[in-house]
Amino acid sequence: MNGLSPALERLIESIAKLPGLGKKSATRLAMHILSKPETEARILAQAILDVKTKIRLCDSCGNLTEEELCGICRDAKRDSGLLCIVESPQDILRLEKAAGFRGLYHVLGGILSPLDGIGPDSLRMNELWDRIQEQNFREIILALSPTADGDATTLYLMNELRARGLKVTRLARGIPIGAELEQVDEITLARALEERTRME
């Protein structure tokens, strides 16, 4: 027996299942929730329920939304000639926050992983081909993780898209700003050399 009430123990165990949180952090969060008024706990509980019941995938791009189309797809000021292909809705959040990209997105819902049985039919590839056929994109940007599976997916998409006569680019890779060469892994260093740019 650890002296905790069953209700508190269940809350700690539930919080500890969240990514990046161990038992210690979960206990601290549970105690914080316990110290707050019941109204705040109800607001938090309702917010969690709302996310599970109201959030869906955008009919066009696969981003998270509460409506048929997400805010990005509904935004007439976006550049409809640019399409950035990403793995997940979280990638859209990162790119929107950091890059100032003003085009549209397409979420694949994962990357190809033959060893795990994830082929093109497991991803939102058919939706991508439909969009490309219906819309006039002047450039497709591949923004997938620089892993073995991410690179395989990038290569697959690059071949398919070029066969359809489209201009395809991918995110540049290289050495992070402020990093010393001795701290950079060999693969990143090799890619940085391969994708070097001309000094003007």
C-alpha atoms as a PDB file:
ATOM      1  CA  MET A   1       0.000   0.000   0.000  1.00  0.00           C
ATOM      2  CA  ASN A   2       1.344   3.437  -0.883  1.00  0.00           C
ATOM      3  CA  GLY A   3      -1.271   5.389   1.082  1.00  0.00           C
ATOM      4  CA  LEU A   4      -2.884   6.983  -1.991  1.00  0.00           C
ATOM      5  CA  SER A   5      -6.611   6.885  -2.562  1.00  0.00           C
ATOM      6  CA  PRO A   6      -7.701   4.676  -5.478  1.00  0.00           C
ATOM      7  CA  ALA A   7      -9.044   7.742  -7.346  1.00  0.00           C
ATOM      8  CA  LEU A   8      -5.741   9.605  -7.038  1.00  0.00           C
ATOM      9  CA  GLU A   9      -3.788   6.492  -7.997  1.00  0.00           C
ATOM     10  CA  ARG A  10      -5.925   6.093 -11.150  1.00  0.00           C
ATOM     11  CA  LEU A  11      -5.332   9.744 -12.072  1.00  0.00           C
ATOM     12  CA  ILE A  12      -1.558   9.391 -11.609  1.00  0.00           C
ATOM     13  CA  GLU A  13      -1.497   6.193 -13.690  1.00  0.00           C
ATOM     14  CA  SER A  14      -3.530   7.854 -16.468  1.00  0.00           C
ATOM     15  CA  ILE A  15      -1.284  10.937 -16.581  1.00  0.00           C
ATOM     16  CA  ALA A  16       1.867   8.774 -16.521  1.00  0.00           C
ATOM     17  CA  LYS A  17       0.731   7.132 -19.785  1.00  0.00           C
ATOM     18  CA  LEU A  18       1.164  10.457 -21.592  1.00  0.00           C
ATOM     19  CA  PRO A  19       4.413  10.747 -23.595  1.00  0.00           C
ATOM     20  CA  GLY A  20       7.350  12.309 -21.788  1.00  0.00           C
ATOM     21  CA  LEU A  21       5.804  11.955 -18.337  1.00  0.00           C
ATOM     22  CA  GLY A  22       7.023   9.552 -15.707  1.00  0.00           C
ATOM     23  CA  LYS A  23       5.468   8.632 -12.370  1.00  0.00           C
ATOM     24  CA  LYS A  24       7.083  11.586 -10.583  1.00  0.00           C
ATOM     25  CA  SER A  25       5.811  14.195 -13.061  1.00  0.00           C
ATOM     26  CA  ALA A  26       2.406  12.493 -13.161  1.00  0.00           C
ATOM     27  CA  THR A  27       2.173  12.653  -9.364  1.00  0.00           C
ATOM     28  CA  ARG A  28       3.075  16.352  -9.386  1.00  0.00           C
ATOM     29  CA  LEU A  29       0.405  17.098 -12.039  1.00  0.00           C
ATOM     30  CA  ALA A  30      -2.217  15.012 -10.233  1.00  0.00           C
ATOM     31  CA  MET A  31      -1.529  16.862  -6.966  1.00  0.00           C
ATOM     32  CA  HIS A  32      -1.783  20.184  -8.828  1.00  0.00           C
ATOM     33  CA  ILE A  33      -5.171  19.184 -10.283  1.00  0.00           C
ATOM     34  CA  LEU A  34      -6.300  18.069  -6.833  1.00  0.00           C
ATOM     35  CA  SER A  35      -5.366  21.457  -5.346  1.00  0.00           C
ATOM     36  CA  LYS A  36      -7.496  23.398  -7.867  1.00  0.00           C
ATOM     37  CA  PRO A  37     -11.219  24.169  -7.537  1.00  0.00           C
ATOM     38  CA  GLU A  38     -13.641  21.586  -8.906  1.00  0.00           C
ATOM     39  CA  THR A  39     -14.707  24.008 -11.666  1.00  0.00           C
ATOM     40  CA  GLU A  40     -11.163  24.025 -13.109  1.00  0.00           C
ATOM     41  CA  ALA A  41     -11.032  20.219 -13.006  1.00  0.00           C
ATOM     42  CA  ARG A  42     -14.360  20.075 -14.866  1.00  0.00           C
ATOM     43  CA  ILE A  43     -13.065  22.519 -17.503  1.00  0.00           C
ATOM     44  CA  LEU A  44      -9.965  20.340 -18.019  1.00  0.00           C
ATOM     45  CA  ALA A  45     -12.037  17.149 -18.189  1.00  0.00           C
ATOM     46  CA  GLN A  46     -14.453  18.742 -20.692  1.00  0.00           C
ATOM     47  CA  ALA A  47     -11.558  20.007 -22.844  1.00  0.00           C
ATOM     48  CA  ILE A  48     -10.183  16.455 -23.037  1.00  0.00           C
ATOM     49  CA  LEU A  49     -13.612  15.065 -23.961  1.00  0.00           C
ATOM     50  CA  ASP A  50     -14.134  17.805 -26.575  1.00  0.00           C
ATOM     51  CA  VAL A  51     -10.836  16.939 -28.264  1.00  0.00           C
ATOM     52  CA  LYS A  52     -11.919  13.307 -28.531  1.00  0.00           C
ATOM     53  CA  THR A  53     -15.461  14.007 -29.731  1.00  0.00           C
ATOM     54  CA  LYS A  54     -15.160  17.160 -31.856  1.00  0.00           C
ATOM     55  CA  ILE A  55     -11.795  16.952 -33.605  1.00  0.00           C
ATOM     56  CA  ARG A  56     -11.711  15.272 -37.002  1.00  0.00           C
ATOM     57  CA  LEU A  57      -9.487  15.234 -40.071  1.00  0.00           C
ATOM     58  CA  CYS A  58      -9.885  17.963 -42.686  1.00  0.00           C
ATOM     59  CA  ASP A  59     -11.627  16.555 -45.766  1.00  0.00           C
ATOM     60  CA  SER A  60      -9.020  18.149 -48.025  1.00  0.00           C
ATOM     61  CA  CYS A  61      -5.603  18.004 -46.350  1.00  0.00           C
ATOM     62  CA  GLY A  62      -5.944  15.685 -43.336  1.00  0.00           C
ATOM     63  CA  ASN A  63      -5.130  18.374 -40.758  1.00  0.00           C
ATOM     64  CA  LEU A  64      -6.999  18.465 -37.437  1.00  0.00           C
ATOM     65  CA  THR A  65     -10.209  20.507 -37.461  1.00  0.00           C
ATOM     66  CA  GLU A  66     -13.720  20.734 -36.043  1.00  0.00           C
ATOM     67  CA  GLU A  67     -15.227  21.513 -39.461  1.00  0.00           C
ATOM     68  CA  GLU A  68     -15.143  19.891 -42.902  1.00  0.00           C
ATOM     69  CA  LEU A  69     -12.151  22.027 -43.898  1.00  0.00           C
ATOM     70  CA  CYS A  70      -9.403  23.279 -41.604  1.00  0.00           C
ATOM     71  CA  GLY A  71      -8.564  26.973 -41.227  1.00  0.00           C
ATOM     72  CA  ILE A  72      -5.581  26.651 -43.580  1.00  0.00           C
ATOM     73  CA  CYS A  73      -7.636  25.123 -46.406  1.00  0.00           C
ATOM     74  CA  ARG A  74     -10.356  27.758 -45.912  1.00  0.00           C
ATOM     75  CA  ASP A  75      -7.863  30.666 -45.986  1.00  0.00           C
ATOM     76  CA  ALA A  76      -8.188  32.355 -49.397  1.00  0.00           C
ATOM     77  CA  LYS A  77      -4.932  34.256 -48.783  1.00  0.00           C
ATOM     78  CA  ARG A  78      -2.845  31.067 -48.870  1.00  0.00           C
ATOM     79  CA  ASP A  79      -0.831  30.288 -52.003  1.00  0.00           C
ATOM     80  CA  SER A  80      -2.879  27.482 -53.591  1.00  0.00           C
ATOM     81  CA  GLY A  81      -0.052  26.673 -56.028  1.00  0.00           C
ATOM     82  CA  LEU A  82       2.258  25.392 -53.288  1.00  0.00           C
ATOM     83  CA  LEU A  83       1.618  22.045 -51.585  1.00  0.00           C
ATOM     84  CA  CYS A  84       3.751  20.827 -48.682  1.00  0.00           C
ATOM     85  CA  ILE A  85       3.500  17.106 -47.902  1.00  0.00           C
ATOM     86  CA  VAL A  86       3.998  16.174 -44.242  1.00  0.00           C
ATOM     87  CA  GLU A  87       3.705  13.070 -42.116  1.00  0.00           C
ATOM     88  CA  SER A  88       1.344  14.315 -39.378  1.00  0.00           C
ATOM     89  CA  PRO A  89      -0.741  17.305 -38.236  1.00  0.00           C
ATOM     90  CA  GLN A  90       1.979  18.039 -35.652  1.00  0.00           C
ATOM     91  CA  ASP A  91       4.346  18.769 -38.547  1.00  0.00           C
ATOM     92  CA  ILE A  92       1.933  21.438 -39.794  1.00  0.00           C
ATOM     93  CA  LEU A  93       2.016  23.077 -36.354  1.00  0.00           C
ATOM     94  CA  ARG A  94       5.831  23.120 -36.398  1.00  0.00           C
ATOM     95  CA  LEU A  95       6.078  24.507 -39.931  1.00  0.00           C
ATOM     96  CA  GLU A  96       3.428  27.158 -39.312  1.00  0.00           C
ATOM     97  CA  LYS A  97       5.220  28.273 -36.148  1.00  0.00           C
ATOM     98  CA  ALA A  98       8.741  28.292 -37.522  1.00  0.00           C
ATOM     99  CA  ALA A  99       8.770  28.654 -41.273  1.00  0.00           C
ATOM    100  CA  GLY A 100       6.195  31.226 -42.287  1.00  0.00           C
ATOM    101  CA  PHE A 101       5.034  28.908 -45.093  1.00  0.00           C
ATOM    102  CA  ARG A 102       1.941  30.333 -46.830  1.00  0.00           C
ATOM    103  CA  GLY A 103       0.965  27.438 -49.086  1.00  0.00           C
ATOM    104  CA  LEU A 104      -1.274  24.406 -48.491  1.00  0.00           C
ATOM    105  CA  TYR A 105      -0.508  21.077 -46.821  1.00  0.00           C
ATOM    106  CA  HIS A 106      -1.244  17.410 -47.294  1.00  0.00           C
ATOM    107  CA  VAL A 107      -0.943  15.042 -44.325  1.00  0.00           C
ATOM    108  CA  LEU A 108       0.039  11.485 -45.269  1.00  0.00           C
ATOM    109  CA  GLY A 109      -0.842  10.068 -41.860  1.00  0.00           C
ATOM    110  CA  GLY A 110       2.513   8.310 -41.548  1.00  0.00           C
ATOM    111  CA  ILE A 111       5.411   7.196 -43.716  1.00  0.00           C
ATOM    112  CA  LEU A 112       6.141   4.053 -45.702  1.00  0.00           C
ATOM    113  CA  SER A 113       7.539   1.261 -43.568  1.00  0.00           C
ATOM    114  CA  PRO A 114       7.522  -2.112 -45.353  1.00  0.00           C
ATOM    115  CA  LEU A 115       8.863  -3.922 -42.278  1.00  0.00           C
ATOM    116  CA  ASP A 116       5.824  -2.738 -40.315  1.00  0.00           C
ATOM    117  CA  GLY A 117       3.444  -3.523 -43.171  1.00  0.00           C
ATOM    118  CA  ILE A 118       2.819   0.160 -44.005  1.00  0.00           C
ATOM    119  CA  GLY A 119       2.591   0.577 -47.764  1.00  0.00           C
ATOM    120  CA  PRO A 120       1.097   3.326 -49.948  1.00  0.00           C
ATOM    121  CA  ASP A 121      -2.446   1.967 -49.396  1.00  0.00           C
ATOM    122  CA  SER A 122      -2.049   2.487 -45.622  1.00  0.00           C
ATOM    123  CA  LEU A 123      -1.446   6.212 -46.065  1.00  0.00           C
ATOM    124  CA  ARG A 124      -3.452   9.109 -47.514  1.00  0.00           C
ATOM    125  CA  MET A 125      -1.849   8.623 -50.953  1.00  0.00           C
ATOM    126  CA  ASN A 126      -5.102   8.257 -52.934  1.00  0.00           C
ATOM    127  CA  GLU A 127      -6.326  11.551 -51.480  1.00  0.00           C
ATOM    128  CA  LEU A 128      -3.030  13.123 -52.550  1.00  0.00           C
ATOM    129  CA  TRP A 129      -3.342  11.875 -56.147  1.00  0.00           C
ATOM    130  CA  ASP A 130      -6.946  13.148 -56.257  1.00  0.00           C
ATOM    131  CA  ARG A 131      -5.886  16.613 -55.057  1.00  0.00           C
ATOM    132  CA  ILE A 132      -3.061  16.789 -57.581  1.00  0.00           C
ATOM    133  CA  GLN A 133      -5.448  15.873 -60.376  1.00  0.00           C
ATOM    134  CA  GLU A 134      -8.055  18.422 -59.271  1.00  0.00           C
ATOM    135  CA  GLN A 135      -5.777  21.338 -58.317  1.00  0.00           C
ATOM    136  CA  ASN A 136      -3.062  23.089 -60.273  1.00  0.00           C
ATOM    137  CA  PHE A 137       0.022  22.930 -58.024  1.00  0.00           C
ATOM    138  CA  ARG A 138       3.154  24.546 -59.435  1.00  0.00           C
ATOM    139  CA  GLU A 139       5.423  23.038 -56.738  1.00  0.00           C
ATOM    140  CA  ILE A 140       5.214  20.120 -54.329  1.00  0.00           C
ATOM    141  CA  ILE A 141       7.447  20.357 -51.248  1.00  0.00           C
ATOM    142  CA  LEU A 142       8.334  17.130 -49.434  1.00  0.00           C
ATOM    143  CA  ALA A 143       8.804  17.792 -45.715  1.00  0.00           C
ATOM    144  CA  LEU A 144       9.239  14.313 -44.246  1.00  0.00           C
ATOM    145  CA  SER A 145      11.494  13.134 -41.428  1.00  0.00           C
ATOM    146  CA  PRO A 146      15.123  12.479 -42.442  1.00  0.00           C
ATOM    147  CA  THR A 147      14.982   8.833 -41.320  1.00  0.00           C
ATOM    148  CA  ALA A 148      15.450   5.699 -43.429  1.00  0.00           C
ATOM    149  CA  ASP A 149      11.665   5.288 -43.785  1.00  0.00           C
ATOM    150  CA  GLY A 150      11.213   9.037 -44.317  1.00  0.00           C
ATOM    151  CA  ASP A 151      13.826   9.031 -47.064  1.00  0.00           C
ATOM    152  CA  ALA A 152      12.208   5.965 -48.688  1.00  0.00           C
ATOM    153  CA  THR A 153       8.833   7.758 -48.639  1.00  0.00           C
ATOM    154  CA  THR A 154      10.420  10.910 -50.075  1.00  0.00           C
ATOM    155  CA  LEU A 155      12.009   8.908 -52.907  1.00  0.00           C
ATOM    156  CA  TYR A 156       8.731   7.109 -53.651  1.00  0.00           C
ATOM    157  CA  LEU A 157       6.792  10.391 -53.753  1.00  0.00           C
ATOM    158  CA  MET A 158       9.488  12.150 -55.781  1.00  0.00           C
ATOM    159  CA  ASN A 159       9.326   9.462 -58.483  1.00  0.00           C
ATOM    160  CA  GLU A 160       5.509   9.397 -58.546  1.00  0.00           C
ATOM    161  CA  LEU A 161       5.171  13.185 -58.630  1.00  0.00           C
ATOM    162  CA  ARG A 162       7.836  13.716 -61.297  1.00  0.00           C
ATOM    163  CA  ALA A 163       6.139  11.041 -63.429  1.00  0.00           C
ATOM    164  CA  ARG A 164       3.067  13.277 -63.276  1.00  0.00           C
ATOM    165  CA  GLY A 165       5.142  16.201 -64.588  1.00  0.00           C
ATOM    166  CA  LEU A 166       5.240  18.155 -61.320  1.00  0.00           C
ATOM    167  CA  LYS A 167       8.048  20.252 -59.880  1.00  0.00           C
ATOM    168  CA  VAL A 168       9.183  18.560 -56.663  1.00  0.00           C
ATOM    169  CA  THR A 169      11.453  19.962 -53.947  1.00  0.00           C
ATOM    170  CA  ARG A 170      12.306  18.847 -50.436  1.00  0.00           C
ATOM    171  CA  LEU A 171      13.423  20.573 -47.283  1.00  0.00           C
ATOM    172  CA  ALA A 172      17.141  21.301 -47.157  1.00  0.00           C
ATOM    173  CA  ARG A 173      19.138  19.468 -44.550  1.00  0.00           C
ATOM    174  CA  GLY A 174      22.335  20.463 -42.920  1.00  0.00           C
ATOM    175  CA  ILE A 175      24.184  21.654 -39.868  1.00  0.00           C
ATOM    176  CA  PRO A 176      22.114  23.444 -37.230  1.00  0.00           C
ATOM    177  CA  ILE A 177      23.011  27.076 -36.582  1.00  0.00           C
ATOM    178  CA  GLY A 178      25.405  27.343 -33.653  1.00  0.00           C
ATOM    179  CA  ALA A 179      26.601  23.731 -33.882  1.00  0.00           C
ATOM    180  CA  GLU A 180      30.292  22.845 -34.036  1.00  0.00           C
ATOM    181  CA  LEU A 181      31.375  20.351 -36.689  1.00  0.00           C
ATOM    182  CA  GLU A 182      32.692  17.902 -34.088  1.00  0.00           C
ATOM    183  CA  GLN A 183      29.172  17.681 -32.599  1.00  0.00           C
ATOM    184  CA  VAL A 184      27.446  16.938 -35.914  1.00  0.00           C
ATOM    185  CA  ASP A 185      26.820  13.283 -36.792  1.00  0.00           C
ATOM    186  CA  GLU A 186      28.355  11.868 -39.979  1.00  0.00           C
ATOM    187  CA  ILE A 187      25.054  11.470 -41.867  1.00  0.00           C
ATOM    188  CA  THR A 188      24.031  15.099 -41.262  1.00  0.00           C
ATOM    189  CA  LEU A 189      27.500  16.275 -42.242  1.00  0.00           C
ATOM    190  CA  ALA A 190      27.436  14.215 -45.449  1.00  0.00           C
ATOM    191  CA  ARG A 191      23.989  15.584 -46.355  1.00  0.00           C
ATOM    192  CA  ALA A 192      25.118  19.130 -45.622  1.00  0.00           C
ATOM    193  CA  LEU A 193      28.016  18.676 -48.053  1.00  0.00           C
ATOM    194  CA  GLU A 194      25.771  17.068 -50.658  1.00  0.00           C
ATOM    195  CA  GLU A 195      23.142  19.827 -50.409  1.00  0.00           C
ATOM    196  CA  ARG A 196      25.578  22.726 -50.186  1.00  0.00           C
ATOM    197  CA  THR A 197      24.443  26.036 -51.695  1.00  0.00           C
ATOM    198  CA  ARG A 198      26.355  28.533 -53.801  1.00  0.00           C
ATOM    199  CA  MET A 199      27.597  31.688 -52.072  1.00  0.00           C
ATOM    200  CA  GLU A 200      26.432  34.807 -53.908  1.00  0.00           C
END
